[in-house]
Amino acid sequence: MAGDLNASEFSLFTMSVALERTRPVPWFDSQHPGVSEATRLIAGPDGEHLLHHARTSTLPCWWDDVQGSLSLEMLAKPDMGRRLDGFALGLSGIAFPVFGAAGRGGLVVFLGREIAIDEELCLDIHTRCFALFESLSKLGTNELDKMPVVSKRELECLKLTANGMTSEQIAAALKLSVHTANQYLTNSTQKLNAANRVHAVAKALKLGLIG
């Protein structure tokens, strides 16, 4: 999803059911099992704005560190999204509120100065964020901690495989050698504990890693 948005990083947060908890709770991000500086900032005082929005609206919200640096004009529509004023992380971003079983809620946040999104992609990404949150909510904390990090490039190769492309076609599309494309697919297959690349694609789809 981050690749589809041209985002440089992402974070997933849960929302505490306790109303006195005024900040999002980090779950994992693009540096898992580490924690990025942006995630730490969102989990701090700045995150109060995000949490308030997520508790009062299901619409995406976005912020721009440099006026006009994001291609998010469509989110100016009242029924599509809301701009957060005075929210500065040093990176532009967009956050999607999500909800799962038993009323559990969260936020999927994408950050980057070159994020681009239109109405169709916004709806698609939000739907996939719900699926990702629901899938991960079924995992125990220990299971999530053991999840390997599948890189952006590995996910791109898996997604193209899901679209029916061969290693040669993937290599051409991503300007890689066939050997490198195959290596990315082998890595993702091993990380997802899959029997082969087809099985890896199925697991990545189920987890909402690709769509």
Protein backbone atom coordinates (compact mmCIF):
# COMPACT_ATOMS: atom_id res chain seq x y z
CA MET A 1 0.00 0.00 0.00
CA ALA A 2 2.84 2.39 0.81
CA GLY A 3 4.21 1.74 -2.66
CA ASP A 4 0.84 2.48 -4.27
CA LEU A 5 0.75 5.82 -2.45
CA ASN A 6 4.42 6.57 -3.12
CA ALA A 7 4.88 6.87 0.65
CA SER A 8 8.34 6.56 2.19
CA GLU A 9 7.17 4.93 5.44
CA PHE A 10 4.12 3.71 7.30
CA SER A 11 2.95 3.08 10.86
CA LEU A 12 0.06 1.18 12.43
CA PHE A 13 -1.44 2.31 15.73
CA THR A 14 -4.19 1.04 17.99
CA MET A 15 -6.58 3.24 19.92
CA SER A 16 -6.98 2.54 23.60
CA VAL A 17 -10.56 1.97 24.73
CA ALA A 18 -9.77 4.11 27.77
CA LEU A 19 -10.86 7.64 26.92
CA GLU A 20 -8.20 9.08 29.20
CA ARG A 21 -5.60 7.67 26.81
CA THR A 22 -5.17 10.66 24.49
CA ARG A 23 -2.47 9.37 22.16
CA PRO A 24 -2.28 6.54 19.60
CA VAL A 25 -0.52 3.37 20.77
CA PRO A 26 2.22 2.18 18.34
CA TRP A 27 1.78 -1.37 17.05
CA PHE A 28 4.37 -1.69 14.30
CA ASP A 29 5.84 0.32 11.43
CA SER A 30 8.09 0.11 8.39
CA GLN A 31 11.12 -0.30 10.66
CA HIS A 32 9.62 -3.22 12.63
CA PRO A 33 10.93 -4.71 14.89
CA GLY A 34 12.46 -1.27 15.48
CA VAL A 35 10.45 1.93 15.85
CA SER A 36 10.84 4.93 13.55
CA GLU A 37 11.25 8.48 14.78
CA ALA A 38 7.97 9.44 13.06
CA THR A 39 6.14 6.72 14.98
CA ARG A 40 7.56 8.05 18.23
CA LEU A 41 6.38 11.56 17.35
CA ILE A 42 2.86 10.40 16.51
CA ALA A 43 2.74 8.49 19.79
CA GLY A 44 3.65 11.73 21.56
CA PRO A 45 1.66 14.94 22.12
CA ASP A 46 1.25 15.55 18.36
CA GLY A 47 -0.72 12.32 18.11
CA GLU A 48 -3.57 13.72 20.16
CA HIS A 49 -4.92 15.45 17.04
CA LEU A 50 -4.92 12.15 15.13
CA LEU A 51 -6.56 10.21 17.93
CA HIS A 52 -9.31 12.81 18.36
CA HIS A 53 -10.05 12.64 14.64
CA ALA A 54 -10.11 8.83 14.58
CA ARG A 55 -12.51 8.73 17.52
CA THR A 56 -14.93 11.14 15.85
CA SER A 57 -14.71 10.26 12.15
CA THR A 58 -14.04 7.34 9.83
CA LEU A 59 -12.73 9.65 7.08
CA PRO A 60 -9.02 9.81 6.23
CA CYS A 61 -7.16 12.86 7.52
CA TRP A 62 -4.04 14.42 6.08
CA TRP A 63 -1.41 17.06 6.72
CA ASP A 64 1.17 18.81 4.59
CA ASP A 65 4.55 19.92 5.90
CA VAL A 66 4.99 22.18 2.86
CA GLN A 67 1.90 23.82 1.36
CA GLY A 68 0.98 22.08 -1.86
CA SER A 69 3.60 19.33 -1.62
CA LEU A 70 0.98 16.57 -1.66
CA SER A 71 -1.34 15.56 -4.47
CA LEU A 72 -4.30 15.35 -2.12
CA GLU A 73 -6.61 18.00 -3.46
CA MET A 74 -9.48 15.50 -3.72
CA LEU A 75 -9.41 15.09 0.05
CA ALA A 76 -10.58 18.69 0.36
CA LYS A 77 -14.05 17.34 -0.43
CA PRO A 78 -16.00 17.21 2.87
CA ASP A 79 -17.10 13.62 2.24
CA MET A 80 -13.60 12.34 1.40
CA GLY A 81 -11.22 13.59 4.05
CA ARG A 82 -10.13 16.28 6.46
CA ARG A 83 -7.00 18.38 6.62
CA LEU A 84 -5.31 18.59 10.02
CA ASP A 85 -4.02 22.10 10.57
CA GLY A 86 -1.07 22.72 12.85
CA PHE A 87 0.07 19.10 12.68
CA ALA A 88 3.79 19.09 11.86
CA LEU A 89 5.98 16.01 11.88
CA GLY A 90 8.52 17.18 9.33
CA LEU A 91 6.86 14.81 6.85
CA SER A 92 3.55 15.06 5.04
CA GLY A 93 1.15 12.19 5.56
CA ILE A 94 -2.29 10.67 5.48
CA ALA A 95 -3.98 8.56 8.17
CA PHE A 96 -6.81 6.08 7.73
CA PRO A 97 -8.99 5.28 10.78
CA VAL A 98 -9.82 1.56 10.98
CA PHE A 99 -11.99 -0.62 13.18
CA GLY A 100 -12.05 -4.35 13.84
CA ALA A 101 -13.77 -6.94 15.95
CA ALA A 102 -15.10 -6.07 19.41
CA GLY A 103 -14.92 -2.37 18.64
CA ARG A 104 -11.15 -2.31 18.49
CA GLY A 105 -9.87 0.67 16.53
CA GLY A 106 -6.68 1.94 15.07
CA LEU A 107 -4.92 4.13 12.55
CA VAL A 108 -2.86 3.26 9.50
CA VAL A 109 -0.51 6.17 8.75
CA PHE A 110 1.50 6.75 5.56
CA LEU A 111 4.25 9.38 5.43
CA GLY A 112 6.27 11.00 2.67
CA ARG A 113 6.76 14.16 0.66
CA GLU A 114 5.70 12.59 -2.64
CA ILE A 115 2.43 10.93 -1.65
CA ALA A 116 -0.12 11.04 -4.46
CA ILE A 117 -3.70 9.82 -4.20
CA ASP A 118 -6.97 10.20 -6.05
CA GLU A 119 -10.51 9.33 -4.99
CA GLU A 120 -10.44 5.78 -6.36
CA LEU A 121 -7.09 4.95 -4.75
CA CYS A 122 -8.19 6.54 -1.47
CA LEU A 123 -11.20 4.23 -1.23
CA ASP A 124 -9.11 1.21 -2.26
CA ILE A 125 -6.37 1.91 0.29
CA HIS A 126 -8.89 2.49 3.08
CA THR A 127 -10.58 -0.84 2.32
CA ARG A 128 -7.23 -2.61 2.38
CA CYS A 129 -6.31 -0.89 5.66
CA PHE A 130 -9.46 -2.36 7.23
CA ALA A 131 -8.51 -5.82 5.93
CA LEU A 132 -4.94 -5.46 7.23
CA PHE A 133 -6.11 -4.31 10.66
CA GLU A 134 -8.62 -7.16 10.90
CA SER A 135 -5.99 -9.75 9.92
CA LEU A 136 -3.39 -8.44 12.34
CA SER A 137 -5.94 -8.11 15.14
CA LYS A 138 -6.33 -11.88 15.00
CA LEU A 139 -2.63 -12.34 15.69
CA GLY A 140 -1.35 -12.40 19.22
CA THR A 141 1.31 -9.89 20.22
CA ASN A 142 3.99 -12.59 20.22
CA GLU A 143 3.02 -13.69 16.72
CA LEU A 144 3.20 -10.12 15.44
CA ASP A 145 6.62 -9.62 17.01
CA LYS A 146 7.85 -12.69 15.13
CA MET A 147 6.58 -11.47 11.77
CA PRO A 148 9.52 -10.87 9.42
CA VAL A 149 9.88 -7.55 7.65
CA VAL A 150 9.10 -7.91 3.95
CA SER A 151 10.75 -5.04 2.11
CA LYS A 152 8.98 -2.65 -0.24
CA ARG A 153 10.81 -4.15 -3.23
CA GLU A 154 9.94 -7.71 -2.18
CA LEU A 155 6.27 -6.73 -1.90
CA GLU A 156 6.40 -5.07 -5.33
CA CYS A 157 7.67 -8.34 -6.83
CA LEU A 158 4.96 -10.31 -5.02
CA LYS A 159 2.28 -7.92 -6.23
CA LEU A 160 3.44 -8.24 -9.84
CA THR A 161 3.50 -12.02 -9.43
CA ALA A 162 -0.09 -11.82 -8.20
CA ASN A 163 -0.87 -9.94 -11.42
CA GLY A 164 0.41 -12.91 -13.43
CA MET A 165 3.81 -11.56 -14.41
CA THR A 166 6.84 -13.82 -14.90
CA SER A 167 10.26 -13.15 -13.38
CA GLU A 168 11.43 -11.75 -16.71
CA GLN A 169 8.46 -9.38 -16.90
CA ILE A 170 8.91 -8.29 -13.28
CA ALA A 171 12.60 -7.62 -13.91
CA ALA A 172 11.76 -5.49 -16.93
CA ALA A 173 8.99 -3.57 -15.12
CA LEU A 174 11.18 -2.77 -12.10
CA LYS A 175 14.41 -2.34 -14.09
CA LEU A 176 16.10 -5.23 -12.29
CA SER A 177 18.06 -8.24 -13.45
CA VAL A 178 16.09 -11.49 -13.59
CA HIS A 179 18.40 -12.88 -10.90
CA THR A 180 17.61 -9.97 -8.57
CA ALA A 181 13.86 -10.27 -9.19
CA ASN A 182 14.03 -13.98 -8.38
CA GLN A 183 16.06 -13.22 -5.24
CA TYR A 184 13.42 -10.78 -4.00
CA LEU A 185 10.74 -13.42 -4.58
CA THR A 186 12.81 -16.06 -2.80
CA ASN A 187 13.37 -13.73 0.15
CA SER A 188 9.68 -12.91 0.52
CA THR A 189 8.75 -16.59 0.21
CA GLN A 190 11.12 -17.49 3.02
CA LYS A 191 10.06 -14.55 5.21
CA LEU A 192 6.39 -15.49 4.89
CA ASN A 193 7.21 -19.15 5.58
CA ALA A 194 5.58 -20.12 2.29
CA ALA A 195 6.12 -23.24 0.20
CA ASN A 196 6.58 -21.32 -3.05
CA ARG A 197 5.95 -17.90 -4.56
CA VAL A 198 2.30 -18.68 -5.27
CA HIS A 199 1.82 -19.58 -1.61
CA ALA A 200 3.70 -16.39 -0.65
CA VAL A 201 1.32 -14.33 -2.78
CA ALA A 202 -1.68 -15.98 -1.08
CA LYS A 203 -0.26 -15.24 2.38
CA ALA A 204 0.58 -11.64 1.48
CA LEU A 205 -2.96 -11.12 0.17
CA LYS A 206 -4.49 -12.63 3.29
CA LEU A 207 -2.40 -10.36 5.52
CA GLY A 208 -3.28 -7.33 3.43
CA LEU A 209 0.37 -6.73 2.53
CA ILE A 210 -0.56 -6.55 -1.16
CA GLY A 211 -3.88 -6.12 -2.89
